[in-house]
Protein backbone atom coordinates (compact mmCIF):
# COMPACT_ATOMS: atom_id res chain seq x y z
CA MET A 1 -15.66 -5.77 13.63
CA VAL A 2 -12.56 -5.78 11.14
CA LYS A 3 -11.43 -2.88 9.69
CA ILE A 4 -10.26 -2.67 6.31
CA SER A 5 -8.71 -0.08 3.88
CA ASN A 6 -10.93 2.17 1.60
CA ARG A 7 -9.71 0.01 -1.28
CA LEU A 8 -10.63 -3.46 -0.04
CA THR A 9 -14.09 -1.84 1.15
CA THR A 10 -14.70 -0.47 -2.37
CA ALA A 11 -13.90 -4.05 -3.86
CA ALA A 12 -15.90 -5.68 -1.33
CA ALA A 13 -18.96 -3.42 -2.28
CA LEU A 14 -18.66 -4.96 -5.83
CA VAL A 15 -19.68 -8.28 -4.36
CA THR A 16 -23.41 -9.18 -4.98
CA GLN A 17 -25.56 -9.37 -1.83
CA GLY A 18 -26.03 -12.96 -1.13
CA TYR A 19 -23.36 -14.46 -3.21
CA THR A 20 -20.84 -17.18 -2.03
CA LEU A 21 -17.13 -16.02 -2.35
CA ALA A 22 -13.83 -17.14 -3.52
CA ASP A 23 -11.15 -14.74 -2.28
CA VAL A 24 -7.90 -15.50 -4.57
CA GLY A 25 -4.54 -14.51 -2.61
CA THR A 26 -6.59 -13.79 0.44
CA ASP A 27 -3.43 -12.52 2.62
CA HIS A 28 -4.97 -12.02 5.93
CA GLY A 29 -8.51 -13.05 4.98
CA TYR A 30 -9.92 -9.53 5.89
CA ILE A 31 -12.44 -9.31 2.90
CA PRO A 32 -14.28 -12.56 3.61
CA ILE A 33 -14.38 -11.63 7.30
CA TYR A 34 -15.51 -8.15 6.55
CA LEU A 35 -18.49 -9.56 4.16
CA LEU A 36 -19.57 -11.73 6.49
CA GLN A 37 -19.69 -9.44 9.21
CA GLN A 38 -21.54 -7.10 7.10
CA LYS A 39 -23.99 -10.12 6.43
CA LYS A 40 -23.42 -9.52 2.92
CA ILE A 41 -22.07 -13.22 1.89
CA PRO A 42 -23.12 -16.60 3.49
CA SER A 43 -19.86 -18.25 3.05
CA ALA A 44 -16.46 -18.03 1.70
CA ILE A 45 -13.21 -19.57 0.66
CA ALA A 46 -10.09 -17.86 1.44
CA MET A 47 -7.37 -19.00 -0.90
CA ASP A 48 -3.50 -18.32 -1.11
CA ILE A 49 -0.55 -19.78 -2.90
CA ASN A 50 1.61 -19.43 0.07
CA GLU A 51 1.36 -21.21 3.52
CA GLY A 52 2.26 -18.17 5.67
CA PRO A 53 -0.59 -15.71 4.75
CA LEU A 54 -3.01 -18.70 4.76
CA GLU A 55 -2.06 -19.43 8.47
CA ARG A 56 -2.74 -15.81 9.24
CA ALA A 57 -6.06 -15.95 7.56
CA LYS A 58 -6.65 -19.00 9.68
CA GLU A 59 -5.94 -17.14 12.85
CA HIS A 60 -8.07 -13.92 12.01
CA ILE A 61 -10.82 -16.39 10.90
CA ALA A 62 -10.84 -18.07 14.37
CA LEU A 63 -10.26 -14.80 16.20
CA TYR A 64 -13.52 -13.30 14.84
CA GLY A 65 -15.23 -16.85 15.10
CA LEU A 66 -16.21 -17.47 11.60
CA GLN A 67 -14.51 -20.97 11.13
CA ALA A 68 -18.00 -22.30 10.16
CA TYR A 69 -18.29 -19.95 7.33
CA ILE A 70 -14.94 -19.41 5.78
CA GLN A 71 -12.85 -22.35 4.93
CA THR A 72 -9.16 -22.00 3.78
CA ARG A 73 -7.28 -23.72 0.81
CA LEU A 74 -3.74 -23.47 -0.47
CA SER A 75 -3.96 -22.68 -3.97
CA ASP A 76 -2.30 -21.44 -7.17
CA GLY A 77 -5.00 -19.00 -8.36
CA VAL A 78 -8.20 -20.72 -8.64
CA ALA A 79 -6.52 -24.35 -9.02
CA ALA A 80 -8.32 -25.62 -5.80
CA LEU A 81 -11.63 -24.42 -6.86
CA LYS A 82 -14.20 -26.39 -8.66
CA PRO A 83 -16.38 -24.67 -11.46
CA GLY A 84 -19.52 -23.51 -10.24
CA GLU A 85 -18.38 -24.11 -6.49
CA VAL A 86 -18.64 -20.47 -5.88
CA GLU A 87 -20.83 -17.61 -7.27
CA ALA A 88 -18.11 -14.69 -6.93
CA VAL A 89 -14.65 -14.66 -7.37
CA LEU A 90 -12.43 -11.79 -6.08
CA ILE A 91 -8.94 -10.94 -7.36
CA ALA A 92 -7.61 -7.96 -5.75
CA GLY A 93 -4.04 -6.72 -4.79
CA MET A 94 -2.17 -8.17 -7.80
CA GLY A 95 -0.10 -7.14 -10.75
CA GLY A 96 -2.25 -7.03 -14.02
CA GLY A 97 -0.32 -9.79 -15.52
CA LEU A 98 -1.00 -12.08 -12.64
CA VAL A 99 -4.66 -11.38 -12.91
CA MET A 100 -4.84 -12.24 -16.66
CA HIS A 101 -2.63 -15.58 -15.93
CA ILE A 102 -5.11 -16.65 -13.21
CA LEU A 103 -8.01 -15.75 -15.50
CA LYS A 104 -6.43 -17.99 -18.29
CA ASP A 105 -5.17 -20.69 -16.27
CA GLY A 106 -8.49 -21.19 -14.60
CA GLU A 107 -10.63 -20.63 -17.37
CA LYS A 108 -13.38 -23.10 -16.71
CA VAL A 109 -13.57 -21.94 -12.84
CA CYS A 110 -13.83 -18.06 -13.74
CA GLN A 111 -16.02 -18.59 -16.68
CA SER A 112 -18.47 -20.55 -14.74
CA ALA A 113 -18.70 -17.93 -11.88
CA LYS A 114 -21.56 -15.53 -11.77
CA GLU A 115 -19.13 -12.68 -11.23
CA LEU A 116 -15.40 -11.74 -11.15
CA ILE A 117 -14.28 -8.83 -9.00
CA LEU A 118 -11.00 -7.79 -10.17
CA GLN A 119 -8.71 -4.88 -8.81
CA PRO A 120 -5.06 -5.41 -10.87
CA GLN A 121 -2.55 -3.18 -9.78
CA SER A 122 -0.86 -2.44 -12.96
CA GLU A 123 -1.53 -2.89 -16.95
CA ILE A 124 -5.10 -1.88 -16.64
CA GLU A 125 -5.55 -1.07 -20.12
CA ARG A 126 -4.01 -4.45 -21.30
CA VAL A 127 -6.31 -6.25 -18.69
CA ARG A 128 -9.56 -4.42 -19.94
CA GLU A 129 -8.48 -5.36 -23.61
CA PHE A 130 -7.91 -8.86 -22.46
CA LEU A 131 -11.41 -9.34 -20.71
CA ARG A 132 -13.01 -8.15 -24.29
CA GLU A 133 -10.97 -10.52 -26.27
CA GLU A 134 -11.81 -13.37 -23.63
CA GLY A 135 -15.57 -12.87 -23.85
CA TYR A 136 -15.82 -10.95 -20.45
CA THR A 137 -18.32 -8.07 -19.98
CA ILE A 138 -17.50 -5.52 -17.38
CA LEU A 139 -20.87 -4.88 -15.39
CA ALA A 140 -19.62 -2.24 -13.08
CA GLU A 141 -16.41 -0.22 -12.35
CA ASP A 142 -15.06 1.87 -9.47
CA MET A 143 -11.99 3.70 -8.58
CA VAL A 144 -10.36 4.90 -5.17
CA TYR A 145 -7.42 7.14 -4.41
CA GLU A 146 -5.44 5.78 -1.54
CA ASP A 147 -1.84 6.30 -0.11
CA GLY A 148 -0.58 8.20 -3.20
CA LYS A 149 -1.99 5.68 -5.77
CA PHE A 150 -5.07 5.39 -7.97
CA TYR A 151 -7.04 1.82 -7.84
CA PRO A 152 -9.16 1.25 -10.54
CA MET A 153 -11.57 -2.06 -9.98
CA MET A 154 -14.26 -3.61 -11.64
CA LYS A 155 -17.08 -6.42 -11.79
CA VAL A 156 -17.06 -8.63 -14.71
CA GLN A 157 -18.96 -11.68 -15.96
CA TYR A 158 -18.10 -13.97 -18.63
CA GLN A 159 -20.87 -13.85 -21.41
CA GLY A 160 -18.66 -14.94 -24.74
CA GLU A 161 -19.33 -12.05 -26.70
CA LYS A 162 -16.69 -11.55 -29.04
CA ALA A 163 -14.51 -8.57 -29.02
CA GLN A 164 -15.13 -5.51 -31.01
CA LYS A 165 -13.26 -4.15 -33.55
CA ALA A 166 -10.68 -1.57 -32.51
CA SER A 167 -11.66 1.74 -32.65
CA GLU A 168 -10.91 5.28 -30.87
CA GLU A 169 -13.98 4.94 -28.40
CA LEU A 170 -12.90 1.19 -27.49
CA LYS A 171 -9.19 2.46 -26.87
CA LEU A 172 -10.72 5.14 -24.54
CA SER A 173 -12.54 2.60 -22.61
CA ASP A 174 -9.68 0.44 -22.41
CA LEU A 175 -7.62 3.20 -21.17
CA TYR A 176 -9.79 4.74 -18.55
CA GLY A 177 -12.94 2.33 -17.94
CA GLY A 178 -16.03 2.96 -19.96
CA LEU A 179 -18.40 2.97 -17.05
CA LEU A 180 -16.25 5.46 -15.15
CA LEU A 181 -16.14 7.93 -17.97
CA GLN A 182 -19.99 7.41 -18.50
CA ASN A 183 -20.49 8.06 -14.61
CA ARG A 184 -17.98 10.80 -14.60
CA HIS A 185 -16.37 9.21 -11.86
CA PRO A 186 -14.67 12.08 -9.58
CA VAL A 187 -11.51 9.96 -8.63
CA LEU A 188 -10.92 9.43 -12.54
CA LYS A 189 -11.31 12.98 -13.21
CA THR A 190 -8.48 13.69 -10.54
CA PHE A 191 -6.36 11.20 -12.32
CA LEU A 192 -7.03 12.70 -15.65
CA GLU A 193 -6.12 16.10 -14.51
CA LYS A 194 -2.86 14.53 -12.95
CA GLU A 195 -1.95 12.53 -16.15
CA LYS A 196 -2.62 15.90 -18.29
CA LEU A 197 -0.07 17.86 -16.10
CA ILE A 198 2.52 15.14 -16.10
CA TYR A 199 2.45 14.47 -19.88
CA THR A 200 2.18 17.92 -20.75
CA GLY A 201 5.50 18.48 -18.96
CA ILE A 202 7.22 15.71 -20.55
CA LYS A 203 5.97 17.11 -24.08
CA GLU A 204 7.40 20.52 -23.15
CA ASN A 205 10.72 19.00 -22.17
CA LEU A 206 10.98 16.89 -25.31
CA ALA A 207 10.51 19.91 -27.46
CA LYS A 208 13.57 21.40 -26.11
CA GLN A 209 15.87 18.34 -26.86
CA PRO A 210 17.76 18.43 -29.87
CA ALA A 211 15.69 16.65 -32.83
CA SER A 212 16.26 13.00 -33.15
CA GLU A 213 14.33 9.92 -34.08
CA LYS A 214 14.17 8.80 -30.54
CA ILE A 215 12.71 12.04 -29.40
CA ARG A 216 10.39 12.06 -32.41
CA THR A 217 9.09 8.78 -31.33
CA ARG A 218 8.64 9.61 -27.66
CA LEU A 219 6.95 12.83 -28.61
CA ALA A 220 4.43 10.97 -30.79
CA GLU A 221 3.46 8.50 -27.81
CA VAL A 222 3.11 11.53 -25.62
CA GLU A 223 1.17 13.44 -27.92
CA ASP A 224 -1.09 10.22 -28.48
CA ILE A 225 -1.58 9.87 -24.40
CA LEU A 226 -2.65 13.56 -24.29
CA HIS A 227 -5.09 13.07 -27.26
CA TYR A 228 -7.05 10.29 -25.39
CA ASN A 229 -6.60 12.35 -22.06
CA GLU A 230 -8.13 15.40 -23.61
CA LEU A 231 -11.15 12.91 -24.88
CA ALA A 232 -11.56 11.55 -21.52
CA LEU A 233 -11.67 15.00 -19.97
CA GLN A 234 -14.51 15.84 -22.40
CA PHE A 235 -16.77 13.66 -20.48
CA TYR A 236 -16.49 16.12 -17.51
CA VAL A 237 -17.29 19.26 -19.49
């Protein structure tokens, strides 16, 4: 059995039982291999933009005797995938900007999938905002802490709903994940406590600086972060 990290195991757990999968940016091909070994998916397409990682994926697929179940394709994002060809699309381990780029460039493919499992490594708030604006609904969320980093991830589906008007509640959801807050996710609580500690320290240091427009602007930004942090922590009271 292939061994994968807690981050990848958690992302894999979001894939619906019995769905065919496309793993975008597959690297070593570990997630499709893991899911097939768990008998959670019937088949998969492992895709990567670079030939090197794809060759490594092919080697691992052969090592576990899964060539009949996992195809490999050289692909920029989901370019090598046809709309409706798979039910689940997994995009993990990339920056938020690249995740949004893949979703936008491969709009028809992504909208046709029954679910997308996303694990952006940065710009989480912007990704959630983008998903709303593009008509995607977040169905499930999870979060892990691994090797000193926090990794939020989500299962989304295109439903074509119009984005809601901006509000404090929506901002809170974009920042931290509405479902993570509702479920009082323990890893999110750890993140919030750490964030509060960091920005409280920054605020105290700024208060000691000579007054200037730059300091006032930064102080306002920090106070805004602490305001939403406090609202989020209220879910755990």
